[in-house]
Amino acid sequence: MKADIHPKNYRLVIFKDNSSGERFLVGSTIETTATDKWTDGVEYPVSNVDVSSASHPFYTGQEKVMDTAGRVERFKARASQATARRKK
């Protein structure tokens, strides 16, 4: 491998999937303040993610709605109001 090709802040980081609870230890330069212990007993920085291969429908084969910001509820409310207006 070539020497000195990675940035100075390149290190192992734990990525935790908020949907499934799965954790991955991957090399990254992401800035994070939280830390947690990995299975080897070493403490690493932690970054929380909403979607990973453990929860994405393409990889799991299961279709599910992942709505962390309430977008689906707002859409349904707007759709029902529009339907009510059309009926009047």
N, C-alpha and C. Protein backbone atom coordinates (compact mmCIF):
# COMPACT_ATOMS: atom_id res chain seq x y z
N MET A 1 0.82 -1.18 0.00
CA MET A 1 0.00 0.00 0.00
C MET A 1 0.87 1.24 0.00
N LYS A 2 0.36 2.31 -0.58
CA LYS A 2 1.10 3.56 -0.59
C LYS A 2 1.09 4.18 0.79
N ALA A 3 2.18 4.80 1.16
CA ALA A 3 2.28 5.47 2.46
C ALA A 3 1.67 6.86 2.38
N ASP A 4 1.07 7.30 3.48
CA ASP A 4 0.53 8.66 3.64
C ASP A 4 -0.53 9.04 2.61
N ILE A 5 -1.44 8.12 2.28
CA ILE A 5 -2.51 8.46 1.35
C ILE A 5 -3.81 8.81 2.07
N HIS A 6 -3.94 8.45 3.34
CA HIS A 6 -5.15 8.76 4.09
C HIS A 6 -5.00 10.07 4.84
N PRO A 7 -6.11 10.78 5.07
CA PRO A 7 -6.05 12.00 5.87
C PRO A 7 -5.56 11.70 7.29
N LYS A 8 -5.10 12.71 7.98
CA LYS A 8 -4.54 12.53 9.33
C LYS A 8 -5.59 12.04 10.33
N ASN A 9 -6.86 12.43 10.16
CA ASN A 9 -7.90 12.03 11.12
C ASN A 9 -8.61 10.73 10.73
N TYR A 10 -8.02 9.94 9.85
CA TYR A 10 -8.59 8.65 9.45
C TYR A 10 -8.37 7.66 10.59
N ARG A 11 -9.48 7.07 11.09
CA ARG A 11 -9.42 6.10 12.18
C ARG A 11 -10.65 5.21 12.12
N LEU A 12 -10.68 4.18 12.95
CA LEU A 12 -11.84 3.29 13.02
C LEU A 12 -12.96 3.98 13.78
N VAL A 13 -14.18 3.86 13.26
CA VAL A 13 -15.37 4.47 13.85
C VAL A 13 -16.48 3.45 13.88
N ILE A 14 -17.26 3.43 14.96
CA ILE A 14 -18.44 2.56 15.06
C ILE A 14 -19.62 3.33 14.48
N PHE A 15 -20.28 2.74 13.48
CA PHE A 15 -21.51 3.31 12.93
C PHE A 15 -22.66 2.49 13.47
N LYS A 16 -23.60 3.15 14.19
CA LYS A 16 -24.73 2.46 14.80
C LYS A 16 -25.99 2.81 14.02
N ASP A 17 -26.69 1.77 13.54
CA ASP A 17 -27.94 1.94 12.82
C ASP A 17 -29.06 2.16 13.82
N ASN A 18 -29.72 3.32 13.78
CA ASN A 18 -30.80 3.64 14.72
C ASN A 18 -32.02 2.76 14.51
N SER A 19 -32.25 2.28 13.29
CA SER A 19 -33.44 1.47 13.00
C SER A 19 -33.31 0.04 13.51
N SER A 20 -32.16 -0.58 13.28
CA SER A 20 -32.02 -1.99 13.62
C SER A 20 -31.15 -2.24 14.85
N GLY A 21 -30.38 -1.24 15.26
CA GLY A 21 -29.49 -1.44 16.40
C GLY A 21 -28.17 -2.09 16.02
N GLU A 22 -28.00 -2.44 14.76
CA GLU A 22 -26.78 -3.08 14.28
C GLU A 22 -25.62 -2.08 14.33
N ARG A 23 -24.41 -2.58 14.58
CA ARG A 23 -23.23 -1.72 14.65
C ARG A 23 -22.16 -2.25 13.71
N PHE A 24 -21.43 -1.32 13.07
CA PHE A 24 -20.36 -1.65 12.13
C PHE A 24 -19.11 -0.88 12.52
N LEU A 25 -17.97 -1.52 12.46
CA LEU A 25 -16.68 -0.87 12.72
C LEU A 25 -16.00 -0.65 11.38
N VAL A 26 -15.86 0.63 10.99
CA VAL A 26 -15.37 0.99 9.67
C VAL A 26 -14.38 2.14 9.79
N GLY A 27 -13.40 2.18 8.92
CA GLY A 27 -12.49 3.31 8.88
C GLY A 27 -13.18 4.53 8.30
N SER A 28 -12.99 5.71 8.93
CA SER A 28 -13.68 6.91 8.49
C SER A 28 -12.95 8.15 8.99
N THR A 29 -13.30 9.30 8.40
CA THR A 29 -12.79 10.59 8.84
C THR A 29 -13.89 11.45 9.45
N ILE A 30 -15.08 10.87 9.68
CA ILE A 30 -16.22 11.62 10.21
C ILE A 30 -15.89 12.18 11.59
N GLU A 31 -16.36 13.41 11.85
CA GLU A 31 -16.16 14.04 13.15
C GLU A 31 -17.28 13.60 14.09
N THR A 32 -16.92 13.14 15.27
CA THR A 32 -17.90 12.70 16.26
C THR A 32 -17.35 12.91 17.66
N THR A 33 -18.25 13.12 18.62
CA THR A 33 -17.81 13.33 20.00
C THR A 33 -18.12 12.13 20.89
N ALA A 34 -19.12 11.33 20.53
CA ALA A 34 -19.51 10.17 21.35
C ALA A 34 -18.54 9.01 21.14
N THR A 35 -18.37 8.19 22.17
CA THR A 35 -17.54 7.01 22.07
C THR A 35 -18.26 5.82 22.68
N ASP A 36 -17.84 4.61 22.29
CA ASP A 36 -18.42 3.39 22.83
C ASP A 36 -17.40 2.27 22.67
N LYS A 37 -17.57 1.21 23.46
CA LYS A 37 -16.65 0.07 23.37
C LYS A 37 -17.14 -0.91 22.33
N TRP A 38 -16.19 -1.44 21.57
CA TRP A 38 -16.46 -2.46 20.56
C TRP A 38 -16.30 -3.82 21.22
N THR A 39 -16.55 -4.90 20.53
CA THR A 39 -16.47 -6.25 21.09
C THR A 39 -15.06 -6.63 21.51
N ASP A 40 -14.06 -5.94 20.97
CA ASP A 40 -12.68 -6.23 21.36
C ASP A 40 -12.25 -5.49 22.64
N GLY A 41 -13.17 -4.71 23.23
CA GLY A 41 -12.90 -4.00 24.46
C GLY A 41 -12.26 -2.63 24.28
N VAL A 42 -11.96 -2.25 23.04
CA VAL A 42 -11.35 -0.96 22.75
C VAL A 42 -12.45 0.07 22.53
N GLU A 43 -12.24 1.30 22.99
CA GLU A 43 -13.21 2.37 22.83
C GLU A 43 -12.96 3.12 21.52
N TYR A 44 -14.03 3.29 20.73
CA TYR A 44 -13.95 3.95 19.43
C TYR A 44 -14.98 5.07 19.36
N PRO A 45 -14.79 6.06 18.49
CA PRO A 45 -15.84 7.07 18.26
C PRO A 45 -17.08 6.42 17.66
N VAL A 46 -18.26 6.99 17.94
CA VAL A 46 -19.53 6.44 17.45
C VAL A 46 -20.27 7.48 16.63
N SER A 47 -20.85 7.05 15.51
CA SER A 47 -21.71 7.89 14.69
C SER A 47 -23.02 7.15 14.47
N ASN A 48 -24.14 7.83 14.74
CA ASN A 48 -25.46 7.23 14.54
C ASN A 48 -25.95 7.51 13.13
N VAL A 49 -26.48 6.48 12.47
CA VAL A 49 -27.03 6.61 11.12
C VAL A 49 -28.46 6.09 11.11
N ASP A 50 -29.29 6.65 10.23
CA ASP A 50 -30.69 6.22 10.15
C ASP A 50 -30.87 4.97 9.30
N VAL A 51 -30.05 4.81 8.26
CA VAL A 51 -30.19 3.69 7.34
C VAL A 51 -28.83 3.08 7.08
N SER A 52 -28.76 1.77 7.11
CA SER A 52 -27.55 1.04 6.74
C SER A 52 -27.96 -0.22 6.00
N SER A 53 -27.00 -1.05 5.66
CA SER A 53 -27.34 -2.30 4.97
C SER A 53 -28.17 -3.22 5.86
N ALA A 54 -28.14 -3.02 7.16
CA ALA A 54 -28.91 -3.86 8.08
C ALA A 54 -30.38 -3.47 8.11
N SER A 55 -30.73 -2.25 7.64
CA SER A 55 -32.13 -1.83 7.70
C SER A 55 -32.69 -1.37 6.36
N HIS A 56 -31.88 -1.22 5.34
CA HIS A 56 -32.37 -0.74 4.05
C HIS A 56 -33.15 -1.86 3.34
N PRO A 57 -34.33 -1.54 2.81
CA PRO A 57 -35.16 -2.57 2.16
C PRO A 57 -34.47 -3.30 1.01
N PHE A 58 -33.57 -2.66 0.30
CA PHE A 58 -32.88 -3.32 -0.80
C PHE A 58 -32.07 -4.51 -0.30
N TYR A 59 -31.42 -4.36 0.85
CA TYR A 59 -30.58 -5.42 1.39
C TYR A 59 -31.36 -6.42 2.24
N THR A 60 -32.41 -5.98 2.92
CA THR A 60 -33.15 -6.87 3.80
C THR A 60 -34.26 -7.62 3.08
N GLY A 61 -34.75 -7.07 1.96
CA GLY A 61 -35.84 -7.70 1.24
C GLY A 61 -37.18 -7.45 1.87
N GLN A 62 -37.24 -6.60 2.88
CA GLN A 62 -38.49 -6.28 3.56
C GLN A 62 -38.82 -4.83 3.31
N GLU A 63 -40.05 -4.59 2.85
CA GLU A 63 -40.46 -3.21 2.61
C GLU A 63 -41.01 -2.64 3.91
N LYS A 64 -40.50 -1.48 4.29
CA LYS A 64 -41.03 -0.80 5.48
C LYS A 64 -40.85 0.70 5.30
N VAL A 65 -41.71 1.45 5.96
CA VAL A 65 -41.64 2.90 5.88
C VAL A 65 -40.73 3.39 6.99
N MET A 66 -39.68 4.11 6.60
CA MET A 66 -38.76 4.67 7.59
C MET A 66 -38.99 6.18 7.60
N ASP A 67 -39.75 6.65 8.56
CA ASP A 67 -40.13 8.05 8.61
C ASP A 67 -39.66 8.64 9.93
N THR A 68 -38.53 9.29 9.91
CA THR A 68 -38.01 9.86 11.14
C THR A 68 -38.43 11.30 11.33
N ALA A 69 -38.95 11.93 10.28
CA ALA A 69 -39.28 13.35 10.37
C ALA A 69 -40.79 13.60 10.29
N GLY A 70 -41.63 12.57 10.29
CA GLY A 70 -43.08 12.74 10.24
C GLY A 70 -43.60 13.12 8.87
N ARG A 71 -42.85 12.86 7.82
CA ARG A 71 -43.25 13.25 6.47
C ARG A 71 -44.46 12.49 5.98
N VAL A 72 -44.54 11.21 6.33
CA VAL A 72 -45.67 10.40 5.87
C VAL A 72 -46.98 10.92 6.46
N GLU A 73 -46.97 11.23 7.75
CA GLU A 73 -48.18 11.74 8.40
C GLU A 73 -48.61 13.07 7.80
N ARG A 74 -47.66 13.97 7.53
CA ARG A 74 -47.99 15.26 6.92
C ARG A 74 -48.57 15.06 5.53
N PHE A 75 -48.01 14.13 4.77
CA PHE A 75 -48.53 13.86 3.42
C PHE A 75 -49.95 13.32 3.51
N LYS A 76 -50.19 12.38 4.40
CA LYS A 76 -51.54 11.81 4.52
C LYS A 76 -52.55 12.87 4.94
N ALA A 77 -52.14 13.78 5.83
CA ALA A 77 -53.04 14.85 6.26
C ALA A 77 -53.38 15.77 5.09
N ARG A 78 -52.38 16.14 4.29
CA ARG A 78 -52.63 17.00 3.13
C ARG A 78 -53.51 16.29 2.11
N ALA A 79 -53.27 15.00 1.90
CA ALA A 79 -54.06 14.23 0.94
C ALA A 79 -55.52 14.14 1.38
N SER A 80 -55.76 13.93 2.66
CA SER A 80 -57.14 13.83 3.14
C SER A 80 -57.85 15.18 3.05
N GLN A 81 -57.12 16.29 3.30
CA GLN A 81 -57.72 17.62 3.15
C GLN A 81 -58.07 17.89 1.69
N ALA A 82 -57.20 17.50 0.78
CA ALA A 82 -57.46 17.71 -0.64
C ALA A 82 -58.67 16.89 -1.10
N THR A 83 -58.79 15.67 -0.61
CA THR A 83 -59.91 14.82 -0.96
C THR A 83 -61.21 15.41 -0.42
N ALA A 84 -61.16 15.94 0.79
CA ALA A 84 -62.35 16.57 1.38
C ALA A 84 -62.76 17.80 0.59
N ARG A 85 -61.80 18.59 0.13
CA ARG A 85 -62.11 19.79 -0.66
C ARG A 85 -62.73 19.42 -2.01
N ARG A 86 -62.25 18.34 -2.61
CA ARG A 86 -62.79 17.91 -3.91
C ARG A 86 -64.23 17.44 -3.78
N LYS A 87 -64.57 16.85 -2.65
CA LYS A 87 -65.93 16.33 -2.45
C LYS A 87 -66.93 17.46 -2.27
N LYS A 88 -66.48 18.64 -1.79
CA LYS A 88 -67.40 19.77 -1.56
C LYS A 88 -67.85 20.42 -2.80
